[in-house]
C-alpha atoms as a PDB file:
ATOM      1  CA  MET A   1      34.765  26.257  39.324  1.00  0.00           C
ATOM      2  CA  ALA A   2      32.049  28.405  41.283  1.00  0.00           C
ATOM      3  CA  ASP A   3      31.684  25.423  43.525  1.00  0.00           C
ATOM      4  CA  GLY A   4      35.615  24.923  43.462  1.00  0.00           C
ATOM      5  CA  ASP A   5      36.053  28.668  44.530  1.00  0.00           C
ATOM      6  CA  ARG A   6      33.532  27.869  47.622  1.00  0.00           C
ATOM      7  CA  THR A   7      35.304  25.280  48.982  1.00  0.00           C
ATOM      8  CA  ASN A   8      38.526  26.876  48.943  1.00  0.00           C
ATOM      9  CA  SER A   9      37.305  30.072  50.648  1.00  0.00           C
ATOM     10  CA  THR A  10      36.205  27.957  53.975  1.00  0.00           C
ATOM     11  CA  GLY A  11      39.953  27.371  54.603  1.00  0.00           C
ATOM     12  CA  GLY A  12      38.604  24.158  56.155  1.00  0.00           C
ATOM     13  CA  GLY A  13      40.864  21.219  54.248  1.00  0.00           C
ATOM     14  CA  ASP A  14      39.322  19.019  52.005  1.00  0.00           C
ATOM     15  CA  PHE A  15      35.881  18.709  53.578  1.00  0.00           C
ATOM     16  CA  GLY A  16      35.141  22.537  54.045  1.00  0.00           C
ATOM     17  CA  GLY A  17      32.725  22.662  51.481  1.00  0.00           C
ATOM     18  CA  ILE A  18      30.655  19.940  52.858  1.00  0.00           C
ATOM     19  CA  SER A  19      30.633  21.873  55.936  1.00  0.00           C
ATOM     20  CA  GLY A  20      29.695  25.161  54.148  1.00  0.00           C
ATOM     21  CA  LEU A  21      26.748  23.257  52.904  1.00  0.00           C
ATOM     22  CA  GLU A  22      25.360  21.770  56.181  1.00  0.00           C
ATOM     23  CA  ASP A  23      25.818  25.069  57.888  1.00  0.00           C
ATOM     24  CA  ALA A  24      24.076  27.041  54.959  1.00  0.00           C
ATOM     25  CA  PRO A  25      20.469  28.164  55.965  1.00  0.00           C
ATOM     26  CA  LEU A  26      17.353  26.698  54.650  1.00  0.00           C
ATOM     27  CA  PRO A  27      15.412  28.334  52.147  1.00  0.00           C
ATOM     28  CA  THR A  28      12.200  30.124  53.381  1.00  0.00           C
ATOM     29  CA  CYS A  29       8.657  29.759  51.928  1.00  0.00           C
ATOM     30  CA  TYR A  30       7.889  32.084  49.280  1.00  0.00           C
ATOM     31  CA  ARG A  31       4.650  32.903  50.398  1.00  0.00           C
ATOM     32  CA  HIS A  32       5.861  32.932  54.040  1.00  0.00           C
ATOM     33  CA  PRO A  33       8.984  34.740  53.962  1.00  0.00           C
ATOM     34  CA  ASP A  34       9.935  34.044  57.968  1.00  0.00           C
ATOM     35  CA  ARG A  35       9.477  30.154  57.752  1.00  0.00           C
ATOM     36  CA  GLU A  36      12.213  27.809  56.660  1.00  0.00           C
ATOM     37  CA  THR A  37      11.651  24.886  54.856  1.00  0.00           C
ATOM     38  CA  GLY A  38      13.247  21.808  52.977  1.00  0.00           C
ATOM     39  CA  VAL A  39      10.246  21.086  50.802  1.00  0.00           C
ATOM     40  CA  SER A  40       9.498  22.222  47.338  1.00  0.00           C
ATOM     41  CA  CYS A  41       6.508  22.154  45.225  1.00  0.00           C
ATOM     42  CA  SER A  42       7.110  19.061  42.918  1.00  0.00           C
ATOM     43  CA  ASN A  43       5.655  21.285  39.936  1.00  0.00           C
ATOM     44  CA  CYS A  44       7.453  24.630  39.709  1.00  0.00           C
ATOM     45  CA  GLY A  45       9.839  24.288  41.954  1.00  0.00           C
ATOM     46  CA  ARG A  46       9.724  27.032  44.978  1.00  0.00           C
ATOM     47  CA  PRO A  47       9.973  26.608  48.257  1.00  0.00           C
ATOM     48  CA  ILE A  48       6.735  25.709  50.620  1.00  0.00           C
ATOM     49  CA  CYS A  49       5.819  25.789  54.533  1.00  0.00           C
ATOM     50  CA  PRO A  50       3.456  22.721  55.668  1.00  0.00           C
ATOM     51  CA  ASP A  51       0.660  25.218  55.644  1.00  0.00           C
ATOM     52  CA  CYS A  52       1.340  25.793  51.818  1.00  0.00           C
ATOM     53  CA  MET A  53       1.536  22.232  50.945  1.00  0.00           C
ATOM     54  CA  THR A  54      -1.097  20.081  49.472  1.00  0.00           C
ATOM     55  CA  PRO A  55      -0.253  16.202  48.844  1.00  0.00           C
ATOM     56  CA  ALA A  56       0.287  15.230  44.768  1.00  0.00           C
ATOM     57  CA  PRO A  57       0.527  12.047  43.203  1.00  0.00           C
ATOM     58  CA  VAL A  58       4.133  12.981  43.233  1.00  0.00           C
ATOM     59  CA  GLY A  59       5.469  14.907  46.219  1.00  0.00           C
ATOM     60  CA  PHE A  60       3.521  18.262  47.327  1.00  0.00           C
ATOM     61  CA  ARG A  61       2.014  21.206  45.429  1.00  0.00           C
ATOM     62  CA  CYS A  62       1.895  24.990  46.090  1.00  0.00           C
ATOM     63  CA  PRO A  63      -1.388  26.768  46.213  1.00  0.00           C
ATOM     64  CA  VAL A  64      -0.616  28.757  42.868  1.00  0.00           C
ATOM     65  CA  CYS A  65      -0.303  25.146  41.181  1.00  0.00           C
ATOM     66  CA  MET A  66      -3.154  23.151  42.884  1.00  0.00           C
ATOM     67  CA  GLY A  67      -5.289  26.788  41.946  1.00  0.00           C
ATOM     68  CA  GLU A  68      -5.000  25.861  38.415  1.00  0.00           C
ATOM     69  CA  GLN A  69      -5.306  22.624  38.358  1.00  0.00           C
ATOM     70  CA  ARG A  70      -8.612  22.384  40.076  1.00  0.00           C
ATOM     71  CA  GLN A  71      -9.746  25.352  37.679  1.00  0.00           C
ATOM     72  CA  GLY A  72      -9.114  23.394  34.558  1.00  0.00           C
ATOM     73  CA  THR A  73      -6.662  25.863  32.959  1.00  0.00           C
ATOM     74  CA  GLY A  74      -4.652  23.179  32.142  1.00  0.00           C
ATOM     75  CA  ARG A  75      -1.486  22.016  33.363  1.00  0.00           C
ATOM     76  CA  ALA A  76       1.013  24.144  35.104  1.00  0.00           C
ATOM     77  CA  ARG A  77       4.209  25.047  33.424  1.00  0.00           C
ATOM     78  CA  VAL A  78       6.344  22.004  33.830  1.00  0.00           C
ATOM     79  CA  ILE A  79      10.142  22.927  35.472  1.00  0.00           C
ATOM     80  CA  THR A  80      11.052  19.795  37.390  1.00  0.00           C
ATOM     81  CA  ARG A  81      12.975  17.097  35.943  1.00  0.00           C
ATOM     82  CA  GLN A  82      10.458  14.347  37.575  1.00  0.00           C
ATOM     83  CA  GLN A  83       7.770  16.164  35.770  1.00  0.00           C
ATOM     84  CA  THR A  84       9.125  16.254  32.479  1.00  0.00           C
ATOM     85  CA  ARG A  85      10.185  12.784  32.684  1.00  0.00           C
ATOM     86  CA  SER A  86       6.604  11.960  33.315  1.00  0.00           C
ATOM     87  CA  ARG A  87       5.511  13.638  30.233  1.00  0.00           C
ATOM     88  CA  TRP A  88       8.481  12.122  27.905  1.00  0.00           C
ATOM     89  CA  GLN A  89       9.752   8.977  29.052  1.00  0.00           C
ATOM     90  CA  SER A  90       6.915   6.509  28.316  1.00  0.00           C
ATOM     91  CA  GLY A  91       7.669   6.682  24.960  1.00  0.00           C
ATOM     92  CA  PHE A  92      11.208   5.390  25.396  1.00  0.00           C
ATOM     93  CA  ALA A  93       9.785   2.679  27.920  1.00  0.00           C
ATOM     94  CA  GLY A  94       7.334   0.869  25.887  1.00  0.00           C
ATOM     95  CA  SER A  95       3.544   0.218  26.721  1.00  0.00           C
ATOM     96  CA  GLY A  96       3.760  -3.138  27.547  1.00  0.00           C
ATOM     97  CA  GLY A  97       1.590  -6.059  26.447  1.00  0.00           C
ATOM     98  CA  LEU A  98       0.393  -6.186  22.837  1.00  0.00           C
ATOM     99  CA  SER A  99       2.295  -3.463  20.432  1.00  0.00           C
ATOM    100  CA  VAL A 100       0.220  -2.087  17.837  1.00  0.00           C
ATOM    101  CA  THR A 101       3.159  -0.978  15.890  1.00  0.00           C
ATOM    102  CA  LYS A 102       4.561  -4.126  15.953  1.00  0.00           C
ATOM    103  CA  VAL A 103       1.427  -5.485  14.468  1.00  0.00           C
ATOM    104  CA  LEU A 104       1.317  -3.279  11.849  1.00  0.00           C
ATOM    105  CA  ILE A 105       5.215  -3.780  10.594  1.00  0.00           C
ATOM    106  CA  ALA A 106       4.075  -7.508  10.670  1.00  0.00           C
ATOM    107  CA  ILE A 107       1.130  -7.112   8.465  1.00  0.00           C
ATOM    108  CA  ASN A 108       3.500  -5.082   6.171  1.00  0.00           C
ATOM    109  CA  ALA A 109       6.048  -7.755   6.387  1.00  0.00           C
ATOM    110  CA  ILE A 110       3.410 -10.586   5.309  1.00  0.00           C
ATOM    111  CA  MET A 111       1.956  -8.520   2.641  1.00  0.00           C
ATOM    112  CA  PHE A 112       5.408  -7.694   0.967  1.00  0.00           C
ATOM    113  CA  PHE A 113       6.349 -11.624   1.262  1.00  0.00           C
ATOM    114  CA  ALA A 114       3.072 -12.715   0.090  1.00  0.00           C
ATOM    115  CA  ASP A 115       3.092 -10.772  -3.103  1.00  0.00           C
ATOM    116  CA  LEU A 116       6.749 -11.652  -3.424  1.00  0.00           C
ATOM    117  CA  LEU A 117       6.244 -15.571  -2.936  1.00  0.00           C
ATOM    118  CA  PHE A 118       2.268 -16.008  -4.141  1.00  0.00           C
ATOM    119  CA  GLY A 119       1.215 -12.881  -5.473  1.00  0.00           C
ATOM    120  CA  PRO A 120       0.265 -14.163  -9.005  1.00  0.00           C
ATOM    121  CA  ARG A 121      -1.662 -17.451  -7.525  1.00  0.00           C
ATOM    122  CA  ILE A 122      -3.535 -15.109  -4.935  1.00  0.00           C
ATOM    123  CA  VAL A 123      -4.916 -12.785  -7.440  1.00  0.00           C
ATOM    124  CA  ALA A 124      -5.818 -16.024 -10.012  1.00  0.00           C
ATOM    125  CA  ALA A 125      -7.425 -17.173  -6.949  1.00  0.00           C
ATOM    126  CA  LEU A 126      -9.548 -14.413  -7.276  1.00  0.00           C
ATOM    127  CA  GLY A 127     -10.571 -14.412 -10.666  1.00  0.00           C
ATOM    128  CA  ARG A 128      -7.938 -11.360 -11.419  1.00  0.00           C
ATOM    129  CA  ALA A 129      -4.679 -11.734 -13.558  1.00  0.00           C
ATOM    130  CA  GLY A 130      -1.345  -9.548 -12.074  1.00  0.00           C
ATOM    131  CA  SER A 131       0.393  -9.589  -8.852  1.00  0.00           C
ATOM    132  CA  LEU A 132      -1.170  -8.808  -5.239  1.00  0.00           C
ATOM    133  CA  ALA A 133       0.299  -5.069  -5.462  1.00  0.00           C
ATOM    134  CA  ASP A 134      -1.762  -4.497  -9.194  1.00  0.00           C
ATOM    135  CA  LEU A 135      -4.952  -5.636  -6.972  1.00  0.00           C
ATOM    136  CA  THR A 136      -3.840  -3.705  -3.825  1.00  0.00           C
ATOM    137  CA  ALA A 137      -2.344  -0.604  -4.838  1.00  0.00           C
ATOM    138  CA  LEU A 138      -4.203   2.995  -5.246  1.00  0.00           C
ATOM    139  CA  VAL A 139      -5.157   3.692  -8.784  1.00  0.00           C
ATOM    140  CA  PRO A 140      -7.617   6.535  -8.792  1.00  0.00           C
ATOM    141  CA  ALA A 141      -8.969   6.043 -11.904  1.00  0.00           C
ATOM    142  CA  ALA A 142     -10.141   2.164 -10.427  1.00  0.00           C
ATOM    143  CA  VAL A 143     -11.341   3.504  -7.110  1.00  0.00           C
ATOM    144  CA  ALA A 144     -13.547   6.489  -8.839  1.00  0.00           C
ATOM    145  CA  ASN A 145     -14.572   4.505 -12.036  1.00  0.00           C
ATOM    146  CA  ASP A 146     -14.816   0.644 -10.710  1.00  0.00           C
ATOM    147  CA  GLY A 147     -15.754   1.231  -7.268  1.00  0.00           C
ATOM    148  CA  GLU A 148     -12.691  -0.466  -5.812  1.00  0.00           C
ATOM    149  CA  TYR A 149     -12.422   1.340  -2.692  1.00  0.00           C
ATOM    150  CA  TRP A 150     -10.590  -0.924  -0.968  1.00  0.00           C
ATOM    151  CA  ARG A 151      -7.452   0.233  -2.127  1.00  0.00           C
ATOM    152  CA  LEU A 152      -7.609   3.408  -0.394  1.00  0.00           C
ATOM    153  CA  VAL A 153      -6.684   1.308   2.629  1.00  0.00           C
ATOM    154  CA  THR A 154      -4.766  -1.591   1.163  1.00  0.00           C
ATOM    155  CA  SER A 155      -2.771   0.141  -0.742  1.00  0.00           C
ATOM    156  CA  MET A 156      -1.053   1.321   2.755  1.00  0.00           C
ATOM    157  CA  PHE A 157       0.565  -2.266   3.135  1.00  0.00           C
ATOM    158  CA  VAL A 158       2.122  -2.731  -0.124  1.00  0.00           C
ATOM    159  CA  HIS A 159       5.576  -1.604  -1.115  1.00  0.00           C
ATOM    160  CA  ALA A 160       7.276  -0.955  -4.490  1.00  0.00           C
ATOM    161  CA  GLY A 161      10.577  -2.974  -3.245  1.00  0.00           C
ATOM    162  CA  MET A 162      13.098  -4.132  -0.309  1.00  0.00           C
ATOM    163  CA  PHE A 163      14.322  -1.127   0.018  1.00  0.00           C
ATOM    164  CA  HIS A 164      10.926   0.903   0.407  1.00  0.00           C
ATOM    165  CA  ILE A 165       9.669  -1.365   2.628  1.00  0.00           C
ATOM    166  CA  LEU A 166      12.609  -1.764   4.676  1.00  0.00           C
ATOM    167  CA  MET A 167      13.013   2.489   5.205  1.00  0.00           C
ATOM    168  CA  ASN A 168       9.401   2.716   5.740  1.00  0.00           C
ATOM    169  CA  MET A 169       9.420   0.110   8.862  1.00  0.00           C
ATOM    170  CA  TRP A 170      12.631   1.711   9.996  1.00  0.00           C
ATOM    171  CA  ALA A 171      10.627   4.903  10.512  1.00  0.00           C
ATOM    172  CA  LEU A 172       7.823   3.120  11.475  1.00  0.00           C
ATOM    173  CA  TRP A 173       9.238   1.315  14.093  1.00  0.00           C
ATOM    174  CA  VAL A 174      11.301   4.327  15.609  1.00  0.00           C
ATOM    175  CA  VAL A 175       8.255   6.696  15.623  1.00  0.00           C
ATOM    176  CA  GLY A 176       5.329   4.621  16.356  1.00  0.00           C
ATOM    177  CA  GLU A 177       6.867   2.895  19.598  1.00  0.00           C
ATOM    178  CA  PHE A 178       7.495   6.036  21.179  1.00  0.00           C
ATOM    179  CA  LEU A 179       3.834   7.734  20.109  1.00  0.00           C
ATOM    180  CA  GLU A 180       1.923   4.592  20.644  1.00  0.00           C
ATOM    181  CA  THR A 181       3.134   4.689  24.455  1.00  0.00           C
ATOM    182  CA  THR A 182       2.605   8.367  24.519  1.00  0.00           C
ATOM    183  CA  VAL A 183      -1.022   8.466  23.320  1.00  0.00           C
ATOM    184  CA  GLY A 184      -2.615   5.233  23.644  1.00  0.00           C
ATOM    185  CA  ARG A 185      -3.167   2.127  21.118  1.00  0.00           C
ATOM    186  CA  TRP A 186      -6.419   3.439  20.167  1.00  0.00           C
ATOM    187  CA  ARG A 187      -5.469   7.481  19.558  1.00  0.00           C
ATOM    188  CA  PHE A 188      -2.521   5.920  17.915  1.00  0.00           C
ATOM    189  CA  LEU A 189      -4.184   3.487  15.238  1.00  0.00           C
ATOM    190  CA  ILE A 190      -6.618   6.554  14.643  1.00  0.00           C
ATOM    191  CA  ILE A 191      -3.582   9.023  13.856  1.00  0.00           C
ATOM    192  CA  TYR A 192      -2.210   6.059  11.843  1.00  0.00           C
ATOM    193  CA  PHE A 193      -5.077   5.372   9.874  1.00  0.00           C
ATOM    194  CA  GLY A 194      -6.375   8.806   9.814  1.00  0.00           C
ATOM    195  CA  ALA A 195      -3.488  10.096   8.281  1.00  0.00           C
ATOM    196  CA  GLY A 196      -2.911   7.010   5.552  1.00  0.00           C
ATOM    197  CA  LEU A 197      -6.612   7.557   4.286  1.00  0.00           C
ATOM    198  CA  ALA A 198      -5.858  11.555   4.595  1.00  0.00           C
ATOM    199  CA  GLY A 199      -2.742  10.824   2.304  1.00  0.00           C
ATOM    200  CA  SER A 200      -5.280   8.022   0.157  1.00  0.00           C
ATOM    201  CA  ALA A 201      -7.786  10.725  -0.360  1.00  0.00           C
ATOM    202  CA  LEU A 202      -5.289  13.369  -1.650  1.00  0.00           C
ATOM    203  CA  VAL A 203      -3.736  10.909  -3.793  1.00  0.00           C
ATOM    204  CA  LEU A 204      -7.207  10.294  -5.086  1.00  0.00           C
ATOM    205  CA  ILE A 205      -7.455  14.069  -5.796  1.00  0.00           C
ATOM    206  CA  ALA A 206      -4.194  15.259  -7.274  1.00  0.00           C
ATOM    207  CA  SER A 207      -2.365  12.235  -8.607  1.00  0.00           C
ATOM    208  CA  HIS A 208      -2.808  11.379 -12.278  1.00  0.00           C
ATOM    209  CA  PRO A 209      -5.903   8.755 -12.922  1.00  0.00           C
ATOM    210  CA  LEU A 210      -3.551   5.897 -13.916  1.00  0.00           C
ATOM    211  CA  VAL A 211      -0.593   6.206 -11.609  1.00  0.00           C
ATOM    212  CA  PRO A 212      -0.311   3.732  -8.941  1.00  0.00           C
ATOM    213  CA  THR A 213       0.506   4.282  -5.221  1.00  0.00           C
ATOM    214  CA  VAL A 214       1.909   2.392  -2.587  1.00  0.00           C
ATOM    215  CA  GLY A 215       3.607   2.468   0.483  1.00  0.00           C
ATOM    216  CA  ALA A 216       2.746   3.099   4.368  1.00  0.00           C
ATOM    217  CA  SER A 217       4.825   6.558   3.867  1.00  0.00           C
ATOM    218  CA  GLY A 218       1.244   8.622   4.155  1.00  0.00           C
ATOM    219  CA  ALA A 219       0.682   7.158   7.457  1.00  0.00           C
ATOM    220  CA  ILE A 220       4.526   7.455   8.869  1.00  0.00           C
ATOM    221  CA  PHE A 221       3.870  10.791   7.738  1.00  0.00           C
ATOM    222  CA  GLY A 222       1.282  11.351  10.155  1.00  0.00           C
ATOM    223  CA  LEU A 223       2.730  10.306  12.987  1.00  0.00           C
ATOM    224  CA  PHE A 224       5.786  12.621  12.060  1.00  0.00           C
ATOM    225  CA  GLY A 225       2.916  15.448  12.021  1.00  0.00           C
ATOM    226  CA  ALA A 226       1.635  14.283  14.929  1.00  0.00           C
ATOM    227  CA  LEU A 227       4.607  14.137  17.026  1.00  0.00           C
ATOM    228  CA  LEU A 228       5.584  17.747  15.413  1.00  0.00           C
ATOM    229  CA  VAL A 229       2.030  18.820  17.078  1.00  0.00           C
ATOM    230  CA  TYR A 230       2.667  17.489  20.381  1.00  0.00           C
ATOM    231  CA  SER A 231       6.368  18.562  20.817  1.00  0.00           C
ATOM    232  CA  TYR A 232       4.518  22.469  19.420  1.00  0.00           C
ATOM    233  CA  PHE A 233       1.631  22.525  22.199  1.00  0.00           C
ATOM    234  CA  ASN A 234       4.339  21.431  24.946  1.00  0.00           C
ATOM    235  CA  ARG A 235       7.041  23.638  24.008  1.00  0.00           C
ATOM    236  CA  GLY A 236       6.998  25.500  26.980  1.00  0.00           C
ATOM    237  CA  ARG A 237       6.459  23.435  29.375  1.00  0.00           C
ATOM    238  CA  ASP A 238       9.876  21.550  29.025  1.00  0.00           C
ATOM    239  CA  PHE A 239      12.757  21.370  27.696  1.00  0.00           C
ATOM    240  CA  MET A 240      12.164  17.889  26.019  1.00  0.00           C
ATOM    241  CA  ALA A 241       9.482  19.655  23.840  1.00  0.00           C
ATOM    242  CA  GLN A 242      11.754  22.181  22.448  1.00  0.00           C
ATOM    243  CA  GLN A 243      14.248  19.369  21.363  1.00  0.00           C
ATOM    244  CA  MET A 244      11.986  17.329  19.695  1.00  0.00           C
ATOM    245  CA  LEU A 245      10.286  20.080  18.307  1.00  0.00           C
ATOM    246  CA  ARG A 246      13.169  20.659  16.251  1.00  0.00           C
ATOM    247  CA  SER A 247      14.249  17.240  15.514  1.00  0.00           C
ATOM    248  CA  MET A 248      10.873  16.548  14.273  1.00  0.00           C
ATOM    249  CA  GLY A 249      10.987  19.657  12.092  1.00  0.00           C
ATOM    250  CA  PHE A 250      14.219  18.632  10.782  1.00  0.00           C
ATOM    251  CA  ILE A 251      13.321  15.262   9.790  1.00  0.00           C
ATOM    252  CA  ILE A 252       9.830  16.421   8.172  1.00  0.00           C
ATOM    253  CA  VAL A 253      11.740  19.193   6.117  1.00  0.00           C
ATOM    254  CA  ILE A 254      14.361  16.812   4.836  1.00  0.00           C
ATOM    255  CA  ASN A 255      11.442  14.115   3.968  1.00  0.00           C
ATOM    256  CA  LEU A 256       9.535  16.221   1.977  1.00  0.00           C
ATOM    257  CA  VAL A 257      13.043  17.973  -0.078  1.00  0.00           C
ATOM    258  CA  PHE A 258      13.376  14.408  -1.085  1.00  0.00           C
ATOM    259  CA  THR A 259       9.516  13.908  -1.939  1.00  0.00           C
ATOM    260  CA  PHE A 260       9.980  17.047  -4.079  1.00  0.00           C
ATOM    261  CA  ALA A 261      13.340  16.483  -5.317  1.00  0.00           C
ATOM    262  CA  PHE A 262      13.167  12.769  -6.790  1.00  0.00           C
ATOM    263  CA  PRO A 263      10.687  11.262  -9.343  1.00  0.00           C
ATOM    264  CA  GLY A 264       8.105   8.713  -8.608  1.00  0.00           C
ATOM    265  CA  ILE A 265       7.554   9.891  -4.879  1.00  0.00           C
ATOM    266  CA  SER A 266       4.229  10.743  -3.920  1.00  0.00           C
ATOM    267  CA  TRP A 267       4.082  13.960  -2.372  1.00  0.00           C
ATOM    268  CA  GLN A 268      -0.015  13.806  -2.126  1.00  0.00           C
ATOM    269  CA  GLY A 269       0.227  10.732   0.011  1.00  0.00           C
ATOM    270  CA  HIS A 270       3.156  12.412   2.245  1.00  0.00           C
ATOM    271  CA  ILE A 271       1.474  15.737   2.344  1.00  0.00           C
ATOM    272  CA  GLY A 272      -2.241  14.594   2.932  1.00  0.00           C
ATOM    273  CA  GLY A 273      -0.816  11.757   5.775  1.00  0.00           C
ATOM    274  CA  LEU A 274       1.657  15.025   7.632  1.00  0.00           C
ATOM    275  CA  LEU A 275      -1.998  17.291   7.571  1.00  0.00           C
ATOM    276  CA  GLY A 276      -4.103  14.478   8.739  1.00  0.00           C
ATOM    277  CA  GLY A 277      -1.413  13.228  11.143  1.00  0.00           C
ATOM    278  CA  ALA A 278      -1.524  16.988  12.558  1.00  0.00           C
ATOM    279  CA  VAL A 279      -4.567  17.848  12.593  1.00  0.00           C
ATOM    280  CA  ALA A 280      -5.472  14.375  14.457  1.00  0.00           C
ATOM    281  CA  MET A 281      -2.964  15.277  17.335  1.00  0.00           C
ATOM    282  CA  ALA A 282      -4.663  18.782  17.458  1.00  0.00           C
ATOM    283  CA  GLY A 283      -7.681  17.367  18.241  1.00  0.00           C
ATOM    284  CA  PHE A 284      -6.817  15.088  20.745  1.00  0.00           C
ATOM    285  CA  THR A 285      -4.886  17.993  22.551  1.00  0.00           C
ATOM    286  CA  LEU A 286      -7.875  20.428  22.166  1.00  0.00           C
ATOM    287  CA  PHE A 287      -4.614  22.461  20.731  1.00  0.00           C
ATOM    288  CA  GLY A 288      -2.430  21.769  23.754  1.00  0.00           C
ATOM    289  CA  ARG A 289      -4.967  22.287  26.595  1.00  0.00           C
ATOM    290  CA  ARG A 290      -5.092  18.575  26.983  1.00  0.00           C
ATOM    291  CA  ASP A 291      -2.985  15.667  27.841  1.00  0.00           C
ATOM    292  CA  PRO A 292      -3.411  12.995  25.307  1.00  0.00           C
ATOM    293  CA  ARG A 293      -3.469  10.320  27.767  1.00  0.00           C
ATOM    294  CA  GLY A 294      -5.681   8.315  29.698  1.00  0.00           C
ATOM    295  CA  ARG A 295      -9.225   6.770  29.277  1.00  0.00           C
ATOM    296  CA  PHE A 296     -10.897   7.474  25.998  1.00  0.00           C
ATOM    297  CA  ASP A 297     -13.410   9.631  26.017  1.00  0.00           C
ATOM    298  CA  SER A 298     -16.253  12.355  23.758  1.00  0.00           C
ATOM    299  CA  VAL A 299     -13.189  14.509  22.829  1.00  0.00           C
ATOM    300  CA  ASP A 300     -11.523  11.555  21.306  1.00  0.00           C
ATOM    301  CA  VAL A 301     -14.758  10.287  19.947  1.00  0.00           C
ATOM    302  CA  MET A 302     -15.425  13.916  18.752  1.00  0.00           C
ATOM    303  CA  THR A 303     -11.710  13.830  16.854  1.00  0.00           C
ATOM    304  CA  LEU A 304     -12.328  10.784  15.044  1.00  0.00           C
ATOM    305  CA  ILE A 305     -15.990  11.606  13.768  1.00  0.00           C
ATOM    306  CA  GLY A 306     -14.363  14.702  12.632  1.00  0.00           C
ATOM    307  CA  LEU A 307     -11.727  13.194  10.672  1.00  0.00           C
ATOM    308  CA  ALA A 308     -13.678  10.749   9.358  1.00  0.00           C
ATOM    309  CA  VAL A 309     -16.285  13.442   7.935  1.00  0.00           C
ATOM    310  CA  VAL A 310     -13.452  15.162   6.361  1.00  0.00           C
ATOM    311  CA  ILE A 311     -11.892  12.652   4.646  1.00  0.00           C
ATOM    312  CA  VAL A 312     -15.193  11.120   3.399  1.00  0.00           C
ATOM    313  CA  VAL A 313     -16.241  14.162   2.098  1.00  0.00           C
ATOM    314  CA  ALA A 314     -13.256  14.914   0.302  1.00  0.00           C
ATOM    315  CA  ILE A 315     -13.444  11.128  -1.284  1.00  0.00           C
ATOM    316  CA  ALA A 316     -17.140  11.212  -2.459  1.00  0.00           C
ATOM    317  CA  TRP A 317     -16.221  15.120  -4.073  1.00  0.00           C
ATOM    318  CA  ARG A 318     -13.937  13.685  -5.941  1.00  0.00           C
ATOM    319  CA  VAL A 319     -15.302  10.615  -7.256  1.00  0.00           C
ATOM    320  CA  ALA A 320     -18.577  12.659  -8.034  1.00  0.00           C
ATOM    321  CA  ASN A 321     -16.025  15.022  -9.954  1.00  0.00           C
ATOM    322  CA  PHE A 322     -13.798  12.763 -11.581  1.00  0.00           C
ATOM    323  CA  PRO A 323     -13.071  13.211 -15.168  1.00  0.00           C
ATOM    324  CA  ALA A 324     -14.041  10.690 -17.781  1.00  0.00           C
ATOM    325  CA  PRO A 325     -11.830   8.712 -19.954  1.00  0.00           C
ATOM    326  CA  PRO A 326      -9.682   8.731 -21.907  1.00  0.00           C
ATOM    327  CA  TYR A 327      -6.769   9.702 -19.765  1.00  0.00           C
ATOM    328  CA  LEU A 328      -3.375  10.968 -21.440  1.00  0.00           C
END
């Protein structure tokens, strides 16, 4: 309505509004009010004159935004649409080349159908009895008493049924593809396996010694937690982060309600994975002061080492203090 009112006020016919825009004065530089300019800072959007322009990868930057960048105080507040797209669009565009997310989905599918079709034969060939799930599920007593530590990892690729694997793989496809292209393949793998192992560690600590746990849910909850933390740290920089923060918060709450409302769901794996993914992303971003993209560097290495140390210490402590049989 505002545009229509302005057009009618010109009295110049159907194209009066266009004439009015052409005759409108140019904005003035925010640092030099006596200088008109048609150029704005590509980061904050303020008009700048030639003396205030500094070339940037996209457009020009004003002195304030360039000063913040040079001082290493973090990224300036994002206002323009181009900056918003730069931060978030990669997650929808795809990273190109080999997709780690698709490889993980393929491994889960292969494990499921291998157990369904050839499970007893594979286990018999290894000198054991039962199905492939029996050999790979996370049973705390088997880890602590028999030293079967592989179960901490293999349980992440085993599922209890068709519905179970379909739901997990759908969630991995939707969230994994986005997060992988946002943080890169190596960081994505660290988040995925770090969250999965954190979930396994909490299962080992808090689950019944003889109850088996299977599924990729812990690792997927870690992806939820990582995306929640990434959105939280960027919530003041663009509207997309605010929307993503609300969406991920809602998704996590709904999933936690189902986790605690229905029996047979491992809350230990879900909570452990959620915390593991959140902690990993906090490390990769230095609590919002660093963009988790680009070359893998010392910050990423320290995050990996710190996460691994916490998980290993938790597992070692539990094994050393595991209750003795018999178990009720």
